[in-house]
Each structure stands twice: as C-alpha cells, then as structure tokens.
Amino acid sequence: MNDSVSRELVQRLGSLLQACNKQVVTAESCTGGGVAERMTSCPGSSHWFERGFVTYSNAAKQELLDVPADVLEHYGAVSEETAAAMAEGALAHSHGQISVAVTGIAGPEGGSVDKPVGTVCFAWSTRTGGTRTARALFQGDRAQVREQSVLMAMQGLIDMLESD
C-alpha cells in the first residue's frame, strides 16, 4: 500500500467535497468498508463523509440498497449493473449527494473464466449528474486487489467532482 498516494487522494477528495458542499456515501462489497475507513481516517472527514454501507451478501445488497433481484440474477453480484444499483441505492438511503459502489472478486477463490479473480466493478453516482460505471481487472493477492479497488473508487469520485 502506498500511504502517501492514499493520503493525497483522500485530502484532495475532501477538499473537493467541501468546496462544493457535498457529502459522500459508500456502498461496498469486496472492499469490506475499506473505502469508508480510508476516507474517515482523514481529520475533518465528518464534514464531507455521510455514511457507508457494507453489503457483502446479495441479501444485504437487496435489503439495504434496493438492488433488484433480477439484476443480481441476470448480471451477477460482480457487474457494472449491480454496482450502479448499489450506488443509486446508497444515495436513496442517505443524505449524501455523491456515492461510490464497489463489488468484485478479491480472491483467492471465487473467480471464473468470465470474471477472474481481480475483477472489480465500480459505480459513481450523483443526485443530479447520473451514474458512471467501470470494470477493472487488478493483479495481485487479496490485499492488493482490495487496495487497488479503494484507490480507484476514490479517484473516480475525484474525477466525477472535477468534471461537474
């Protein structure tokens, strides 16, 4: 883990959120709350971090974020469609204005030909600007896949805020 890169991202994200008077919400599966933990490690994050959802199971995704059962059945938990539903559900169940969702296969097991270990899907959503999604294939062990996911989740928020 590159602590200086992580700290820089969190500080930049916090500054952007404060500048536009927005709060962020996280919806996480494979990162297990790592994005929220990283954000809240920053002093003053209570001004811009609203809440986080850790929805590891499909049932939690449905119950807490209203991810439709047919999305999970048709696309699977690790899909851009599920990530988008998670990000939108996080906004619907919070007071935040921007959200990030992460769902993937950190390993070492659980991969398939179509979705190998290291496959992670992301979504970033705002109340006014719609939802963006991405899919990445990270290399490394479980900790490395999760770390890369946390960094990409935060960079995506920064990119979305800077394009507004």
Protein backbone atom coordinates (compact mmCIF):
# COMPACT_ATOMS: atom_id res chain seq x y z
CA MET A 1 0.00 0.00 0.00
CA ASN A 2 1.25 3.45 -0.89
CA ASP A 3 0.18 5.54 2.10
CA SER A 4 1.25 8.85 0.58
CA VAL A 5 -0.86 8.27 -2.57
CA SER A 6 -3.81 7.25 -0.43
CA ARG A 7 -3.45 10.30 1.85
CA GLU A 8 -3.18 12.64 -1.14
CA LEU A 9 -6.31 11.17 -2.71
CA VAL A 10 -8.32 11.46 0.50
CA GLN A 11 -7.19 15.04 1.11
CA ARG A 12 -7.96 16.04 -2.47
CA LEU A 13 -11.34 14.33 -2.33
CA GLY A 14 -12.19 16.01 0.97
CA SER A 15 -11.20 19.42 -0.37
CA LEU A 16 -13.33 18.97 -3.48
CA LEU A 17 -16.35 17.79 -1.49
CA GLN A 18 -16.06 20.69 0.94
CA ALA A 19 -15.62 23.20 -1.88
CA CYS A 20 -18.89 22.11 -3.48
CA ASN A 21 -20.63 21.48 -0.14
CA LYS A 22 -21.34 17.80 -0.84
CA GLN A 23 -21.23 14.65 1.25
CA VAL A 24 -20.19 11.23 0.00
CA VAL A 25 -21.76 7.83 0.64
CA THR A 26 -20.06 4.46 0.08
CA ALA A 27 -21.61 1.12 -0.87
CA GLU A 28 -19.02 -1.64 -0.61
CA SER A 29 -18.83 -5.36 -1.08
CA CYS A 30 -15.34 -6.78 -1.78
CA THR A 31 -13.58 -3.88 -0.02
CA GLY A 32 -15.50 -4.59 3.19
CA GLY A 33 -15.67 -0.95 4.27
CA GLY A 34 -12.11 -0.13 3.21
CA VAL A 35 -13.16 2.93 1.19
CA ALA A 36 -15.11 4.33 4.14
CA GLU A 37 -12.26 3.54 6.52
CA ARG A 38 -9.76 5.31 4.31
CA MET A 39 -11.96 8.39 3.98
CA THR A 40 -12.74 8.65 7.67
CA SER A 41 -9.06 8.35 8.59
CA CYS A 42 -8.75 11.95 7.40
CA PRO A 43 -9.23 14.61 10.10
CA GLY A 44 -12.30 16.70 9.32
CA SER A 45 -13.96 14.00 7.22
CA SER A 46 -17.12 14.37 9.30
CA HIS A 47 -17.83 17.47 7.19
CA TRP A 48 -17.95 15.52 3.93
CA PHE A 49 -18.42 11.80 4.72
CA GLU A 50 -22.11 10.98 5.25
CA ARG A 51 -22.28 7.19 5.70
CA GLY A 52 -21.15 3.84 4.39
CA PHE A 53 -22.90 0.58 3.59
CA VAL A 54 -21.06 -2.74 3.66
CA THR A 55 -23.25 -5.12 1.69
CA TYR A 56 -21.23 -8.28 1.25
CA SER A 57 -24.12 -10.66 0.64
CA ASN A 58 -26.71 -10.43 -2.11
CA ALA A 59 -29.41 -10.26 0.57
CA ALA A 60 -27.74 -7.19 2.09
CA LYS A 61 -27.49 -5.56 -1.35
CA GLN A 62 -31.23 -6.10 -1.79
CA GLU A 63 -32.31 -5.18 1.74
CA LEU A 64 -30.12 -2.12 2.37
CA LEU A 65 -29.62 -0.73 -1.15
CA ASP A 66 -32.70 -2.00 -3.03
CA VAL A 67 -30.60 -3.79 -5.65
CA PRO A 68 -33.25 -5.60 -7.72
CA ALA A 69 -33.18 -9.39 -7.52
CA ASP A 70 -33.40 -9.61 -11.32
CA VAL A 71 -30.22 -7.52 -11.70
CA LEU A 72 -28.36 -9.89 -9.38
CA GLU A 73 -29.79 -12.95 -11.14
CA HIS A 74 -29.16 -11.71 -14.68
CA TYR A 75 -25.80 -9.93 -14.30
CA GLY A 76 -24.44 -11.32 -11.02
CA ALA A 77 -23.16 -9.53 -7.94
CA VAL A 78 -19.94 -8.61 -9.74
CA SER A 79 -21.23 -6.47 -12.60
CA GLU A 80 -21.42 -2.84 -13.57
CA GLU A 81 -25.21 -3.12 -13.43
CA THR A 82 -25.11 -4.26 -9.80
CA ALA A 83 -22.55 -1.58 -8.93
CA ALA A 84 -24.81 1.08 -10.48
CA ALA A 85 -27.82 -0.17 -8.50
CA MET A 86 -25.70 -0.15 -5.32
CA ALA A 87 -24.51 3.44 -5.91
CA GLU A 88 -28.02 4.66 -6.66
CA GLY A 89 -29.44 2.78 -3.68
CA ALA A 90 -26.82 4.31 -1.39
CA LEU A 91 -27.96 7.78 -2.41
CA ALA A 92 -31.62 6.83 -1.99
CA HIS A 93 -30.96 5.67 1.58
CA SER A 94 -28.79 8.59 2.69
CA HIS A 95 -28.47 12.35 2.76
CA GLY A 96 -25.37 12.34 0.54
CA GLN A 97 -25.11 13.93 -2.87
CA ILE A 98 -22.48 11.62 -4.42
CA SER A 99 -21.80 7.92 -3.95
CA VAL A 100 -19.37 5.21 -4.90
CA ALA A 101 -20.04 1.48 -5.09
CA VAL A 102 -17.51 -1.35 -5.30
CA THR A 103 -18.23 -5.02 -5.94
CA GLY A 104 -15.73 -7.62 -7.05
CA ILE A 105 -13.75 -10.80 -6.62
CA ALA A 106 -10.74 -10.16 -4.40
CA GLY A 107 -9.73 -13.83 -4.25
CA PRO A 108 -8.00 -16.06 -3.83
CA GLU A 109 -11.11 -18.10 -4.80
CA GLY A 110 -14.37 -17.20 -6.46
CA GLY A 111 -13.20 -16.35 -9.96
CA SER A 112 -14.49 -17.77 -13.24
CA VAL A 113 -13.49 -17.60 -16.89
CA ASP A 114 -15.76 -14.58 -17.45
CA LYS A 115 -14.94 -12.95 -14.11
CA PRO A 116 -11.48 -13.96 -12.94
CA VAL A 117 -10.08 -13.12 -9.51
CA GLY A 118 -9.23 -9.43 -9.53
CA THR A 119 -12.38 -8.41 -11.43
CA VAL A 120 -13.90 -5.38 -9.72
CA CYS A 121 -16.86 -3.28 -10.83
CA PHE A 122 -17.41 0.31 -9.78
CA ALA A 123 -20.16 2.91 -9.97
CA TRP A 124 -20.16 6.58 -9.09
CA SER A 125 -23.48 8.38 -8.86
CA THR A 126 -24.78 11.85 -8.09
CA ARG A 127 -28.29 13.07 -7.46
CA THR A 128 -28.04 15.40 -10.46
CA GLY A 129 -25.39 14.01 -12.81
CA GLY A 130 -26.32 10.40 -13.35
CA THR A 131 -24.25 7.27 -12.83
CA ARG A 132 -20.91 6.21 -14.31
CA THR A 133 -19.56 2.67 -14.18
CA ALA A 134 -16.26 0.94 -14.78
CA ARG A 135 -14.79 -2.55 -14.65
CA ALA A 136 -11.18 -3.30 -13.77
CA LEU A 137 -9.03 -6.40 -13.62
CA PHE A 138 -6.45 -5.98 -10.88
CA GLN A 139 -3.41 -8.17 -10.35
CA GLY A 140 -2.03 -9.37 -7.02
CA ASP A 141 -3.23 -11.08 -3.89
CA ARG A 142 -6.44 -10.32 -1.98
CA ALA A 143 -4.97 -7.37 -0.09
CA GLN A 144 -3.53 -5.87 -3.27
CA VAL A 145 -6.81 -6.23 -5.19
CA ARG A 146 -8.69 -4.57 -2.34
CA GLU A 147 -6.14 -1.75 -2.05
CA GLN A 148 -6.25 -1.02 -5.78
CA SER A 149 -10.05 -1.02 -5.56
CA VAL A 150 -10.07 1.53 -2.74
CA LEU A 151 -7.75 3.83 -4.68
CA MET A 152 -9.79 3.54 -7.89
CA ALA A 153 -13.02 4.21 -6.00
CA MET A 154 -11.62 7.45 -4.59
CA GLN A 155 -10.04 8.52 -7.90
CA GLY A 156 -13.39 8.00 -9.62
CA LEU A 157 -15.09 10.31 -7.13
CA ILE A 158 -12.42 12.95 -7.73
CA ASP A 159 -12.83 12.62 -11.49
CA MET A 160 -16.61 12.95 -11.21
CA LEU A 161 -16.39 16.01 -8.96
CA GLU A 162 -13.83 17.68 -11.19
CA SER A 163 -15.96 17.16 -14.31
CA ASP A 164 -19.01 18.85 -12.77
